[in-house]
Amino acid sequence: MKVVVVGGGKVGFYLARTLMDHGHQPSIIERNKKLCLQIANQLDLPVICDDGSSLEALESAGTGSADALVSVTGTDEDNLVICQLAKRRFNVPRTVARVNNPKNAGIMKQLGVDIPVSATDSIARIIEREVDASAIRQLLSLNRGEASLIEFQLPERYQYQGKTLMEMPLPSDSVVVSITRDGTLIIPRGNVRLMGGDKMIVIAKDTVIHELSQALGLSAD
């Protein structure tokens, strides 16, 4: 796979090196001449010393034939513009942008970035998932990690015993797929009552898994 990496700092450098180790063909665009020299001395790949938001630099890096472009500069605005240029002018199938301010992730997605990646959000979700790990088990990651198929079991002494699904303040970005009770599979509707020991399978966006855990009374906070 041919990947253009824009930004030759630590993130871009180690990303390119990892891609090489996995058999891919990365190239790097970096405007800082000193960084370009360091990268060229350490990695056997094309290094374009130019502004990654310029059409000339993107063309020199072979963006027109790239399978993906990843922009990991320290500026969200630059990452957005670079991904938009790659998508609109060079028809790159997949664009990934580093998001330095988590609040910008949704905007980037709306403006055409295929995969906005926020390190802050990712770390927060890992922490939340580890906290909830005793109650929730991930079965399957969906749509490149945007959502998950998860399984959890309600405690035997459940604080919301007898409440119906429709009475529970479940996040709108979650759907209860099934409930298993005493070995019997139940296809749930809103009037199904929750009982201690119920094993539930849910599809939910990763952003609401912790909220779902709280709504069901499974989270410590």
N, C-alpha and C. Protein backbone atom coordinates (compact mmCIF):
# COMPACT_ATOMS: atom_id res chain seq x y z
N MET A 1 0.84 -1.18 0.00
CA MET A 1 0.00 0.00 0.00
C MET A 1 0.88 1.24 0.00
N LYS A 2 0.55 2.20 -0.86
CA LYS A 2 1.30 3.44 -0.95
C LYS A 2 0.61 4.51 -0.10
N VAL A 3 1.38 5.08 0.84
CA VAL A 3 0.82 6.04 1.79
C VAL A 3 1.67 7.30 1.82
N VAL A 4 1.02 8.44 1.68
CA VAL A 4 1.69 9.74 1.83
C VAL A 4 1.49 10.22 3.25
N VAL A 5 2.58 10.50 3.94
CA VAL A 5 2.54 11.02 5.31
C VAL A 5 2.97 12.48 5.28
N VAL A 6 2.10 13.36 5.73
CA VAL A 6 2.42 14.79 5.78
C VAL A 6 2.72 15.17 7.22
N GLY A 7 3.94 15.60 7.44
CA GLY A 7 4.39 15.92 8.80
C GLY A 7 5.48 14.96 9.20
N GLY A 8 6.70 15.48 9.36
CA GLY A 8 7.83 14.61 9.65
C GLY A 8 8.32 14.69 11.08
N GLY A 9 7.46 15.12 11.99
CA GLY A 9 7.83 15.12 13.41
C GLY A 9 7.87 13.70 13.95
N LYS A 10 7.83 13.57 15.26
CA LYS A 10 7.93 12.23 15.86
C LYS A 10 6.81 11.31 15.40
N VAL A 11 5.58 11.85 15.36
CA VAL A 11 4.44 11.02 14.96
C VAL A 11 4.60 10.56 13.52
N GLY A 12 4.91 11.49 12.62
CA GLY A 12 5.07 11.14 11.21
C GLY A 12 6.24 10.21 10.97
N PHE A 13 7.36 10.46 11.67
CA PHE A 13 8.55 9.62 11.50
C PHE A 13 8.26 8.17 11.91
N TYR A 14 7.71 7.99 13.10
CA TYR A 14 7.47 6.62 13.58
C TYR A 14 6.34 5.94 12.83
N LEU A 15 5.38 6.73 12.37
CA LEU A 15 4.33 6.16 11.53
C LEU A 15 4.90 5.63 10.23
N ALA A 16 5.75 6.44 9.58
CA ALA A 16 6.36 6.01 8.32
C ALA A 16 7.24 4.78 8.53
N ARG A 17 8.00 4.77 9.61
CA ARG A 17 8.86 3.62 9.88
C ARG A 17 8.04 2.35 10.14
N THR A 18 6.94 2.50 10.86
CA THR A 18 6.07 1.35 11.11
C THR A 18 5.44 0.84 9.82
N LEU A 19 5.02 1.76 8.96
CA LEU A 19 4.45 1.36 7.68
C LEU A 19 5.47 0.59 6.84
N MET A 20 6.70 1.06 6.85
CA MET A 20 7.78 0.34 6.14
C MET A 20 7.98 -1.06 6.71
N ASP A 21 7.98 -1.15 8.04
CA ASP A 21 8.18 -2.45 8.69
C ASP A 21 7.07 -3.43 8.33
N HIS A 22 5.89 -2.89 8.00
CA HIS A 22 4.74 -3.74 7.64
C HIS A 22 4.64 -3.98 6.14
N GLY A 23 5.67 -3.55 5.41
CA GLY A 23 5.72 -3.84 3.99
C GLY A 23 5.05 -2.82 3.09
N HIS A 24 4.67 -1.66 3.63
CA HIS A 24 4.02 -0.62 2.83
C HIS A 24 5.06 0.33 2.25
N GLN A 25 4.60 1.27 1.43
CA GLN A 25 5.50 2.19 0.73
C GLN A 25 5.13 3.64 1.09
N PRO A 26 5.63 4.14 2.20
CA PRO A 26 5.31 5.52 2.59
C PRO A 26 6.26 6.53 1.96
N SER A 27 5.78 7.75 1.84
CA SER A 27 6.63 8.89 1.53
C SER A 27 6.25 9.99 2.52
N ILE A 28 7.19 10.90 2.77
CA ILE A 28 6.97 11.95 3.77
C ILE A 28 7.11 13.33 3.14
N ILE A 29 6.19 14.21 3.51
CA ILE A 29 6.30 15.63 3.17
C ILE A 29 6.52 16.40 4.47
N GLU A 30 7.59 17.18 4.53
CA GLU A 30 7.92 17.95 5.72
C GLU A 30 8.57 19.26 5.29
N ARG A 31 8.16 20.36 5.87
CA ARG A 31 8.67 21.67 5.45
C ARG A 31 9.99 22.04 6.13
N ASN A 32 10.27 21.45 7.29
CA ASN A 32 11.49 21.77 8.03
C ASN A 32 12.69 21.03 7.40
N LYS A 33 13.65 21.80 6.89
CA LYS A 33 14.78 21.19 6.17
C LYS A 33 15.64 20.30 7.07
N LYS A 34 15.80 20.71 8.33
CA LYS A 34 16.60 19.90 9.25
C LYS A 34 15.94 18.55 9.50
N LEU A 35 14.63 18.57 9.69
CA LEU A 35 13.91 17.30 9.89
C LEU A 35 13.98 16.43 8.64
N CYS A 36 13.86 17.06 7.48
CA CYS A 36 13.94 16.31 6.22
C CYS A 36 15.27 15.57 6.11
N LEU A 37 16.35 16.26 6.48
CA LEU A 37 17.68 15.65 6.41
C LEU A 37 17.79 14.48 7.38
N GLN A 38 17.27 14.65 8.59
CA GLN A 38 17.30 13.57 9.58
C GLN A 38 16.51 12.35 9.11
N ILE A 39 15.33 12.61 8.54
CA ILE A 39 14.49 11.50 8.06
C ILE A 39 15.18 10.77 6.92
N ALA A 40 15.73 11.53 5.99
CA ALA A 40 16.40 10.94 4.83
C ALA A 40 17.60 10.09 5.23
N ASN A 41 18.27 10.50 6.32
CA ASN A 41 19.43 9.75 6.80
C ASN A 41 19.05 8.47 7.53
N GLN A 42 17.84 8.44 8.05
CA GLN A 42 17.43 7.28 8.86
C GLN A 42 16.47 6.33 8.17
N LEU A 43 15.70 6.83 7.20
CA LEU A 43 14.71 5.99 6.53
C LEU A 43 14.94 5.99 5.02
N ASP A 44 14.81 4.84 4.44
CA ASP A 44 14.97 4.71 2.98
C ASP A 44 13.62 4.89 2.30
N LEU A 45 13.22 6.16 2.19
CA LEU A 45 11.95 6.47 1.56
C LEU A 45 12.01 7.87 0.96
N PRO A 46 11.08 8.21 0.06
CA PRO A 46 11.08 9.55 -0.54
C PRO A 46 10.72 10.60 0.51
N VAL A 47 11.49 11.67 0.57
CA VAL A 47 11.23 12.78 1.48
C VAL A 47 11.12 14.06 0.66
N ILE A 48 9.98 14.71 0.72
CA ILE A 48 9.76 15.95 -0.01
C ILE A 48 9.80 17.09 0.98
N CYS A 49 10.77 17.98 0.82
CA CYS A 49 10.93 19.10 1.73
C CYS A 49 10.15 20.29 1.19
N ASP A 50 8.91 20.39 1.63
CA ASP A 50 8.01 21.42 1.10
C ASP A 50 6.80 21.53 2.02
N ASP A 51 5.95 22.49 1.71
CA ASP A 51 4.70 22.69 2.45
C ASP A 51 3.69 21.63 2.00
N GLY A 52 3.22 20.83 2.93
CA GLY A 52 2.31 19.74 2.58
C GLY A 52 0.96 20.18 2.07
N SER A 53 0.64 21.46 2.25
CA SER A 53 -0.64 21.96 1.74
C SER A 53 -0.54 22.51 0.32
N SER A 54 0.64 22.40 -0.29
CA SER A 54 0.81 22.86 -1.67
C SER A 54 0.58 21.71 -2.64
N LEU A 55 -0.05 22.02 -3.76
CA LEU A 55 -0.33 20.98 -4.76
C LEU A 55 0.97 20.39 -5.31
N GLU A 56 2.00 21.23 -5.44
CA GLU A 56 3.27 20.75 -5.98
C GLU A 56 3.90 19.69 -5.07
N ALA A 57 3.85 19.94 -3.76
CA ALA A 57 4.42 18.98 -2.82
C ALA A 57 3.64 17.67 -2.84
N LEU A 58 2.33 17.77 -2.86
CA LEU A 58 1.50 16.57 -2.88
C LEU A 58 1.73 15.77 -4.16
N GLU A 59 1.88 16.47 -5.26
CA GLU A 59 2.14 15.78 -6.53
C GLU A 59 3.50 15.11 -6.52
N SER A 60 4.51 15.81 -5.97
CA SER A 60 5.86 15.24 -5.90
C SER A 60 5.91 13.98 -5.04
N ALA A 61 5.03 13.92 -4.06
CA ALA A 61 5.01 12.76 -3.16
C ALA A 61 4.23 11.59 -3.77
N GLY A 62 3.67 11.79 -4.96
CA GLY A 62 2.92 10.71 -5.60
C GLY A 62 1.52 10.53 -5.05
N THR A 63 0.92 11.63 -4.60
CA THR A 63 -0.41 11.54 -3.98
C THR A 63 -1.46 11.02 -4.96
N GLY A 64 -1.28 11.32 -6.25
CA GLY A 64 -2.25 10.87 -7.26
C GLY A 64 -2.38 9.37 -7.37
N SER A 65 -1.34 8.64 -6.98
CA SER A 65 -1.40 7.17 -7.04
C SER A 65 -1.39 6.53 -5.65
N ALA A 66 -1.59 7.35 -4.62
CA ALA A 66 -1.55 6.84 -3.25
C ALA A 66 -2.84 6.14 -2.87
N ASP A 67 -2.72 5.14 -2.02
CA ASP A 67 -3.90 4.46 -1.47
C ASP A 67 -4.47 5.21 -0.28
N ALA A 68 -3.61 5.97 0.38
CA ALA A 68 -4.06 6.73 1.56
C ALA A 68 -3.12 7.89 1.80
N LEU A 69 -3.66 8.92 2.44
CA LEU A 69 -2.84 10.05 2.90
C LEU A 69 -3.13 10.28 4.37
N VAL A 70 -2.05 10.47 5.14
CA VAL A 70 -2.18 10.72 6.57
C VAL A 70 -1.50 12.05 6.88
N SER A 71 -2.27 13.00 7.40
CA SER A 71 -1.70 14.31 7.74
C SER A 71 -1.59 14.42 9.26
N VAL A 72 -0.34 14.54 9.75
CA VAL A 72 -0.10 14.53 11.19
C VAL A 72 0.69 15.76 11.63
N THR A 73 0.44 16.90 11.00
CA THR A 73 1.09 18.13 11.43
C THR A 73 0.51 18.56 12.77
N GLY A 74 1.11 19.58 13.36
CA GLY A 74 0.64 20.05 14.66
C GLY A 74 -0.52 21.02 14.60
N THR A 75 -1.05 21.26 13.38
CA THR A 75 -2.14 22.23 13.22
C THR A 75 -3.35 21.56 12.58
N ASP A 76 -4.47 21.59 13.27
CA ASP A 76 -5.69 20.95 12.77
C ASP A 76 -6.14 21.54 11.44
N GLU A 77 -6.03 22.87 11.31
CA GLU A 77 -6.46 23.51 10.07
C GLU A 77 -5.65 23.00 8.88
N ASP A 78 -4.33 22.86 9.06
CA ASP A 78 -3.49 22.34 7.99
C ASP A 78 -3.86 20.90 7.65
N ASN A 79 -4.08 20.09 8.68
CA ASN A 79 -4.43 18.69 8.44
C ASN A 79 -5.74 18.57 7.66
N LEU A 80 -6.70 19.43 7.99
CA LEU A 80 -7.98 19.42 7.28
C LEU A 80 -7.80 19.80 5.82
N VAL A 81 -7.09 20.91 5.57
CA VAL A 81 -6.89 21.37 4.19
C VAL A 81 -6.14 20.34 3.36
N ILE A 82 -5.12 19.75 3.95
CA ILE A 82 -4.31 18.75 3.23
C ILE A 82 -5.16 17.54 2.85
N CYS A 83 -5.98 17.07 3.78
CA CYS A 83 -6.85 15.93 3.49
C CYS A 83 -7.88 16.28 2.43
N GLN A 84 -8.41 17.49 2.48
CA GLN A 84 -9.39 17.91 1.47
C GLN A 84 -8.75 17.97 0.09
N LEU A 85 -7.53 18.50 0.00
CA LEU A 85 -6.83 18.56 -1.28
C LEU A 85 -6.56 17.15 -1.82
N ALA A 86 -6.13 16.27 -0.92
CA ALA A 86 -5.84 14.89 -1.33
C ALA A 86 -7.08 14.21 -1.88
N LYS A 87 -8.23 14.47 -1.24
CA LYS A 87 -9.47 13.83 -1.64
C LYS A 87 -10.03 14.45 -2.93
N ARG A 88 -10.04 15.78 -3.00
CA ARG A 88 -10.72 16.46 -4.10
C ARG A 88 -9.86 16.61 -5.36
N ARG A 89 -8.55 16.85 -5.15
CA ARG A 89 -7.69 17.09 -6.30
C ARG A 89 -6.96 15.84 -6.78
N PHE A 90 -6.73 14.90 -5.86
CA PHE A 90 -5.95 13.72 -6.23
C PHE A 90 -6.75 12.42 -6.08
N ASN A 91 -8.00 12.53 -5.64
CA ASN A 91 -8.89 11.36 -5.52
C ASN A 91 -8.30 10.24 -4.67
N VAL A 92 -7.65 10.61 -3.59
CA VAL A 92 -7.10 9.60 -2.67
C VAL A 92 -8.26 8.87 -1.99
N PRO A 93 -8.26 7.54 -2.04
CA PRO A 93 -9.39 6.78 -1.49
C PRO A 93 -9.62 6.97 0.01
N ARG A 94 -8.54 7.15 0.77
CA ARG A 94 -8.69 7.21 2.22
C ARG A 94 -7.79 8.31 2.79
N THR A 95 -8.36 9.19 3.61
CA THR A 95 -7.58 10.24 4.27
C THR A 95 -7.71 10.11 5.78
N VAL A 96 -6.60 10.35 6.47
CA VAL A 96 -6.56 10.29 7.93
C VAL A 96 -5.93 11.57 8.44
N ALA A 97 -6.55 12.20 9.42
CA ALA A 97 -6.02 13.45 9.96
C ALA A 97 -5.80 13.35 11.45
N ARG A 98 -4.65 13.81 11.88
CA ARG A 98 -4.39 13.95 13.32
C ARG A 98 -5.21 15.12 13.84
N VAL A 99 -5.90 14.91 14.96
CA VAL A 99 -6.71 15.97 15.56
C VAL A 99 -6.07 16.37 16.88
N ASN A 100 -5.55 17.59 16.93
CA ASN A 100 -4.88 18.05 18.14
C ASN A 100 -5.88 18.55 19.18
N ASN A 101 -6.97 19.15 18.71
CA ASN A 101 -8.05 19.59 19.60
C ASN A 101 -9.24 18.66 19.39
N PRO A 102 -9.60 17.85 20.39
CA PRO A 102 -10.68 16.86 20.21
C PRO A 102 -12.00 17.46 19.73
N LYS A 103 -12.24 18.74 20.02
CA LYS A 103 -13.48 19.38 19.60
C LYS A 103 -13.58 19.48 18.08
N ASN A 104 -12.45 19.37 17.39
CA ASN A 104 -12.45 19.52 15.93
C ASN A 104 -12.72 18.21 15.20
N ALA A 105 -12.75 17.10 15.91
CA ALA A 105 -12.89 15.80 15.25
C ALA A 105 -14.19 15.70 14.46
N GLY A 106 -15.30 16.11 15.06
CA GLY A 106 -16.59 16.03 14.38
C GLY A 106 -16.65 16.92 13.16
N ILE A 107 -16.08 18.11 13.27
CA ILE A 107 -16.07 19.05 12.14
C ILE A 107 -15.27 18.48 10.99
N MET A 108 -14.11 17.89 11.30
CA MET A 108 -13.28 17.30 10.25
C MET A 108 -14.03 16.19 9.52
N LYS A 109 -14.74 15.38 10.28
CA LYS A 109 -15.52 14.29 9.67
C LYS A 109 -16.57 14.87 8.73
N GLN A 110 -17.25 15.91 9.16
CA GLN A 110 -18.29 16.54 8.34
C GLN A 110 -17.71 17.16 7.08
N LEU A 111 -16.46 17.64 7.16
CA LEU A 111 -15.84 18.32 6.02
C LEU A 111 -15.04 17.39 5.12
N GLY A 112 -15.21 16.08 5.31
CA GLY A 112 -14.67 15.14 4.34
C GLY A 112 -13.50 14.29 4.74
N VAL A 113 -12.95 14.49 5.95
CA VAL A 113 -11.85 13.64 6.40
C VAL A 113 -12.42 12.26 6.74
N ASP A 114 -11.86 11.22 6.15
CA ASP A 114 -12.40 9.87 6.38
C ASP A 114 -12.22 9.43 7.84
N ILE A 115 -11.01 9.62 8.37
CA ILE A 115 -10.73 9.14 9.72
C ILE A 115 -9.99 10.24 10.51
N PRO A 116 -10.70 11.03 11.32
CA PRO A 116 -10.01 11.96 12.22
C PRO A 116 -9.56 11.19 13.46
N VAL A 117 -8.29 11.36 13.85
CA VAL A 117 -7.75 10.61 14.98
C VAL A 117 -7.32 11.57 16.07
N SER A 118 -8.00 11.50 17.20
CA SER A 118 -7.66 12.35 18.35
C SER A 118 -7.00 11.49 19.41
N ALA A 119 -5.74 11.79 19.69
CA ALA A 119 -5.02 11.02 20.72
C ALA A 119 -5.69 11.19 22.08
N THR A 120 -6.17 12.40 22.35
CA THR A 120 -6.83 12.66 23.65
C THR A 120 -8.06 11.79 23.81
N ASP A 121 -8.91 11.77 22.76
CA ASP A 121 -10.12 10.95 22.82
C ASP A 121 -9.78 9.47 22.93
N SER A 122 -8.77 9.04 22.17
CA SER A 122 -8.39 7.63 22.18
C SER A 122 -7.93 7.19 23.56
N ILE A 123 -7.13 8.01 24.21
CA ILE A 123 -6.65 7.68 25.55
C ILE A 123 -7.81 7.65 26.54
N ALA A 124 -8.71 8.63 26.42
CA ALA A 124 -9.87 8.68 27.32
C ALA A 124 -10.73 7.43 27.17
N ARG A 125 -10.93 6.99 25.92
CA ARG A 125 -11.77 5.80 25.70
C ARG A 125 -11.09 4.55 26.24
N ILE A 126 -9.77 4.48 26.10
CA ILE A 126 -9.04 3.33 26.64
C ILE A 126 -9.20 3.27 28.16
N ILE A 127 -9.06 4.43 28.81
CA ILE A 127 -9.21 4.49 30.26
C ILE A 127 -10.62 4.07 30.67
N GLU A 128 -11.62 4.64 29.99
CA GLU A 128 -13.00 4.31 30.32
C GLU A 128 -13.27 2.83 30.10
N ARG A 129 -12.73 2.27 29.00
CA ARG A 129 -12.98 0.87 28.71
C ARG A 129 -12.32 -0.03 29.74
N GLU A 130 -11.12 0.37 30.21
CA GLU A 130 -10.45 -0.41 31.23
C GLU A 130 -11.23 -0.37 32.55
N VAL A 131 -11.78 0.81 32.87
CA VAL A 131 -12.58 0.94 34.09
C VAL A 131 -13.82 0.07 34.00
N ASP A 132 -14.44 0.02 32.81
CA ASP A 132 -15.67 -0.74 32.62
C ASP A 132 -15.43 -2.20 32.25
N ALA A 133 -14.15 -2.60 32.16
CA ALA A 133 -13.83 -3.91 31.60
C ALA A 133 -14.44 -5.07 32.40
N SER A 134 -14.63 -4.87 33.72
CA SER A 134 -15.17 -5.96 34.52
C SER A 134 -16.61 -6.27 34.15
N ALA A 135 -17.32 -5.28 33.58
CA ALA A 135 -18.73 -5.48 33.25
C ALA A 135 -18.97 -5.65 31.76
N ILE A 136 -18.13 -5.02 30.94
CA ILE A 136 -18.37 -4.99 29.49
C ILE A 136 -17.25 -5.70 28.74
N ARG A 137 -17.64 -6.51 27.77
CA ARG A 137 -16.67 -7.23 26.95
C ARG A 137 -16.93 -6.91 25.47
N GLN A 138 -15.90 -6.45 24.79
CA GLN A 138 -16.05 -6.14 23.37
C GLN A 138 -15.98 -7.43 22.55
N LEU A 139 -16.98 -7.64 21.71
CA LEU A 139 -17.02 -8.82 20.85
C LEU A 139 -16.48 -8.53 19.46
N LEU A 140 -16.75 -7.32 18.97
CA LEU A 140 -16.38 -7.00 17.59
C LEU A 140 -16.28 -5.49 17.43
N SER A 141 -15.22 -5.05 16.75
CA SER A 141 -15.08 -3.64 16.41
C SER A 141 -15.69 -3.40 15.04
N LEU A 142 -16.47 -2.34 14.91
CA LEU A 142 -17.19 -2.07 13.67
C LEU A 142 -16.78 -0.72 13.07
N ASN A 143 -16.77 -0.68 11.74
CA ASN A 143 -16.51 0.56 11.00
C ASN A 143 -15.23 1.25 11.47
N ARG A 144 -14.13 0.49 11.46
CA ARG A 144 -12.80 1.00 11.81
C ARG A 144 -12.75 1.59 13.22
N GLY A 145 -13.45 0.92 14.14
CA GLY A 145 -13.40 1.33 15.53
C GLY A 145 -14.39 2.40 15.92
N GLU A 146 -15.27 2.78 15.02
CA GLU A 146 -16.26 3.82 15.35
C GLU A 146 -17.33 3.27 16.29
N ALA A 147 -17.61 1.99 16.17
CA ALA A 147 -18.64 1.36 17.02
C ALA A 147 -18.18 -0.04 17.41
N SER A 148 -18.90 -0.63 18.34
CA SER A 148 -18.53 -1.97 18.81
C SER A 148 -19.79 -2.80 19.08
N LEU A 149 -19.63 -4.10 18.92
CA LEU A 149 -20.62 -5.06 19.40
C LEU A 149 -20.11 -5.52 20.76
N ILE A 150 -20.87 -5.26 21.83
CA ILE A 150 -20.40 -5.54 23.17
C ILE A 150 -21.37 -6.44 23.92
N GLU A 151 -20.84 -7.12 24.92
CA GLU A 151 -21.64 -8.03 25.74
C GLU A 151 -21.39 -7.71 27.21
N PHE A 152 -22.44 -7.73 28.00
CA PHE A 152 -22.27 -7.56 29.44
C PHE A 152 -23.39 -8.29 30.16
N GLN A 153 -23.15 -8.55 31.43
CA GLN A 153 -24.14 -9.26 32.24
C GLN A 153 -24.55 -8.40 33.42
N LEU A 154 -25.85 -8.28 33.63
CA LEU A 154 -26.35 -7.51 34.76
C LEU A 154 -26.10 -8.29 36.05
N PRO A 155 -25.74 -7.62 37.13
CA PRO A 155 -25.50 -8.32 38.40
C PRO A 155 -26.77 -8.99 38.91
N GLU A 156 -26.60 -10.05 39.72
CA GLU A 156 -27.74 -10.78 40.24
C GLU A 156 -28.64 -9.87 41.08
N ARG A 157 -28.04 -9.04 41.89
CA ARG A 157 -28.81 -8.06 42.66
C ARG A 157 -28.79 -6.74 41.92
N TYR A 158 -29.63 -6.67 40.91
CA TYR A 158 -29.59 -5.52 40.00
C TYR A 158 -30.45 -4.38 40.54
N GLN A 159 -29.87 -3.19 40.57
CA GLN A 159 -30.57 -2.05 41.19
C GLN A 159 -31.79 -1.60 40.39
N TYR A 160 -31.82 -1.91 39.09
CA TYR A 160 -32.98 -1.52 38.27
C TYR A 160 -33.85 -2.72 37.91
N GLN A 161 -33.86 -3.71 38.77
CA GLN A 161 -34.65 -4.92 38.55
C GLN A 161 -36.11 -4.59 38.22
N GLY A 162 -36.61 -5.15 37.11
CA GLY A 162 -38.00 -4.98 36.74
C GLY A 162 -38.29 -3.77 35.87
N LYS A 163 -37.31 -2.88 35.71
CA LYS A 163 -37.53 -1.73 34.84
C LYS A 163 -37.54 -2.19 33.38
N THR A 164 -38.35 -1.55 32.55
CA THR A 164 -38.38 -1.89 31.13
C THR A 164 -37.27 -1.15 30.39
N LEU A 165 -36.94 -1.65 29.21
CA LEU A 165 -35.90 -1.00 28.39
C LEU A 165 -36.27 0.44 28.10
N MET A 166 -37.54 0.69 27.82
CA MET A 166 -37.95 2.05 27.46
C MET A 166 -37.84 3.01 28.64
N GLU A 167 -37.78 2.47 29.86
CA GLU A 167 -37.63 3.32 31.04
C GLU A 167 -36.17 3.66 31.32
N MET A 168 -35.25 2.97 30.67
CA MET A 168 -33.83 3.20 30.90
C MET A 168 -33.32 4.32 30.00
N PRO A 169 -32.54 5.25 30.53
CA PRO A 169 -32.03 6.38 29.73
C PRO A 169 -30.82 5.98 28.88
N LEU A 170 -31.03 5.03 27.96
CA LEU A 170 -29.93 4.53 27.14
C LEU A 170 -29.55 5.56 26.08
N PRO A 171 -28.27 5.67 25.74
CA PRO A 171 -27.83 6.62 24.71
C PRO A 171 -28.50 6.31 23.36
N SER A 172 -28.78 7.35 22.59
CA SER A 172 -29.44 7.15 21.30
C SER A 172 -28.55 6.41 20.31
N ASP A 173 -27.23 6.46 20.52
CA ASP A 173 -26.31 5.77 19.62
C ASP A 173 -26.00 4.36 20.11
N SER A 174 -26.97 3.71 20.74
CA SER A 174 -26.82 2.32 21.19
C SER A 174 -28.12 1.57 20.94
N VAL A 175 -28.01 0.29 20.61
CA VAL A 175 -29.17 -0.56 20.34
C VAL A 175 -28.97 -1.90 21.03
N VAL A 176 -29.94 -2.31 21.85
CA VAL A 176 -29.87 -3.62 22.48
C VAL A 176 -30.30 -4.67 21.46
N VAL A 177 -29.40 -5.59 21.14
CA VAL A 177 -29.64 -6.59 20.10
C VAL A 177 -30.34 -7.81 20.66
N SER A 178 -29.88 -8.28 21.81
CA SER A 178 -30.49 -9.48 22.39
C SER A 178 -30.27 -9.52 23.89
N ILE A 179 -31.12 -10.28 24.56
CA ILE A 179 -30.98 -10.56 25.98
C ILE A 179 -31.09 -12.07 26.16
N THR A 180 -30.14 -12.64 26.88
CA THR A 180 -30.20 -14.07 27.20
C THR A 180 -30.50 -14.22 28.68
N ARG A 181 -31.60 -14.94 28.98
CA ARG A 181 -32.04 -15.10 30.37
C ARG A 181 -32.31 -16.58 30.64
N ASP A 182 -31.54 -17.15 31.57
CA ASP A 182 -31.70 -18.57 31.91
C ASP A 182 -31.61 -19.46 30.67
N GLY A 183 -30.69 -19.11 29.77
CA GLY A 183 -30.46 -19.91 28.57
C GLY A 183 -31.43 -19.65 27.44
N THR A 184 -32.39 -18.76 27.64
CA THR A 184 -33.38 -18.43 26.61
C THR A 184 -33.05 -17.10 25.96
N LEU A 185 -33.05 -17.09 24.63
CA LEU A 185 -32.76 -15.85 23.89
C LEU A 185 -34.02 -15.01 23.74
N ILE A 186 -33.91 -13.74 24.09
CA ILE A 186 -35.03 -12.80 23.96
C ILE A 186 -34.66 -11.71 22.97
N ILE A 187 -35.51 -11.50 21.95
CA ILE A 187 -35.33 -10.37 21.06
C ILE A 187 -36.05 -9.19 21.70
N PRO A 188 -35.31 -8.22 22.20
CA PRO A 188 -35.93 -7.23 23.09
C PRO A 188 -36.77 -6.18 22.36
N ARG A 189 -37.83 -5.79 23.02
CA ARG A 189 -38.64 -4.64 22.64
C ARG A 189 -38.64 -3.68 23.83
N GLY A 190 -39.26 -2.54 23.66
CA GLY A 190 -39.24 -1.53 24.72
C GLY A 190 -39.89 -1.98 26.01
N ASN A 191 -40.83 -2.95 25.93
CA ASN A 191 -41.55 -3.36 27.13
C ASN A 191 -40.89 -4.53 27.87
N VAL A 192 -39.74 -4.99 27.38
CA VAL A 192 -39.02 -6.08 28.06
C VAL A 192 -38.44 -5.56 29.36
N ARG A 193 -38.65 -6.31 30.44
CA ARG A 193 -38.15 -5.90 31.75
C ARG A 193 -36.77 -6.50 32.00
N LEU A 194 -35.89 -5.71 32.57
CA LEU A 194 -34.54 -6.16 32.87
C LEU A 194 -34.53 -6.92 34.19
N MET A 195 -33.77 -8.02 34.21
CA MET A 195 -33.68 -8.86 35.39
C MET A 195 -32.21 -9.12 35.72
N GLY A 196 -31.93 -9.27 37.00
CA GLY A 196 -30.58 -9.59 37.42
C GLY A 196 -30.10 -10.88 36.76
N GLY A 197 -28.86 -10.88 36.27
CA GLY A 197 -28.31 -12.05 35.59
C GLY A 197 -28.50 -12.03 34.09
N ASP A 198 -29.29 -11.09 33.57
CA ASP A 198 -29.48 -10.98 32.12
C ASP A 198 -28.14 -10.73 31.43
N LYS A 199 -27.92 -11.45 30.35
CA LYS A 199 -26.74 -11.22 29.53
C LYS A 199 -27.20 -10.47 28.28
N MET A 200 -26.64 -9.29 28.05
CA MET A 200 -27.11 -8.42 26.97
C MET A 200 -26.03 -8.22 25.92
N ILE A 201 -26.46 -8.18 24.67
CA ILE A 201 -25.57 -7.83 23.56
C ILE A 201 -26.08 -6.54 22.96
N VAL A 202 -25.16 -5.58 22.81
CA VAL A 202 -25.53 -4.23 22.37
C VAL A 202 -24.57 -3.76 21.28
N ILE A 203 -25.11 -3.04 20.30
CA ILE A 203 -24.27 -2.31 19.35
C ILE A 203 -24.28 -0.86 19.79
N ALA A 204 -23.08 -0.27 19.92
CA ALA A 204 -22.99 1.12 20.37
C ALA A 204 -21.77 1.79 19.77
N LYS A 205 -21.90 3.08 19.51
CA LYS A 205 -20.73 3.86 19.13
C LYS A 205 -19.77 3.89 20.30
N ASP A 206 -18.47 3.85 20.01
CA ASP A 206 -17.49 3.82 21.08
C ASP A 206 -17.56 5.05 21.97
N THR A 207 -18.04 6.16 21.43
CA THR A 207 -18.13 7.39 22.20
C THR A 207 -19.18 7.33 23.31
N VAL A 208 -20.10 6.36 23.25
CA VAL A 208 -21.18 6.31 24.25
C VAL A 208 -21.13 5.06 25.13
N ILE A 209 -20.10 4.24 24.98
CA ILE A 209 -20.04 3.00 25.75
C ILE A 209 -19.99 3.29 27.25
N HIS A 210 -19.18 4.27 27.63
CA HIS A 210 -19.12 4.60 29.06
C HIS A 210 -20.45 5.17 29.54
N GLU A 211 -21.09 6.00 28.71
CA GLU A 211 -22.40 6.55 29.05
C GLU A 211 -23.43 5.43 29.19
N LEU A 212 -23.34 4.42 28.31
CA LEU A 212 -24.24 3.27 28.38
C LEU A 212 -24.04 2.52 29.69
N SER A 213 -22.79 2.33 30.07
CA SER A 213 -22.47 1.64 31.33
C SER A 213 -23.06 2.39 32.53
N GLN A 214 -22.98 3.71 32.48
CA GLN A 214 -23.53 4.52 33.57
C GLN A 214 -25.06 4.42 33.60
N ALA A 215 -25.68 4.48 32.42
CA ALA A 215 -27.14 4.42 32.33
C ALA A 215 -27.69 3.12 32.89
N LEU A 216 -26.96 2.04 32.69
CA LEU A 216 -27.40 0.72 33.17
C LEU A 216 -26.97 0.44 34.61
N GLY A 217 -26.25 1.40 35.19
CA GLY A 217 -25.83 1.21 36.59
C GLY A 217 -24.67 0.24 36.72
N LEU A 218 -23.85 0.11 35.68
CA LEU A 218 -22.71 -0.82 35.73
C LEU A 218 -21.40 -0.11 36.04
N SER A 219 -21.39 1.22 35.93
CA SER A 219 -20.16 1.99 36.12
C SER A 219 -20.07 2.47 37.56
N ALA A 220 -18.82 2.54 38.03
CA ALA A 220 -18.60 2.96 39.40
C ALA A 220 -19.00 4.41 39.64
N ASP A 221 -18.94 5.24 38.56
CA ASP A 221 -19.31 6.64 38.75
C ASP A 221 -20.62 6.93 38.05
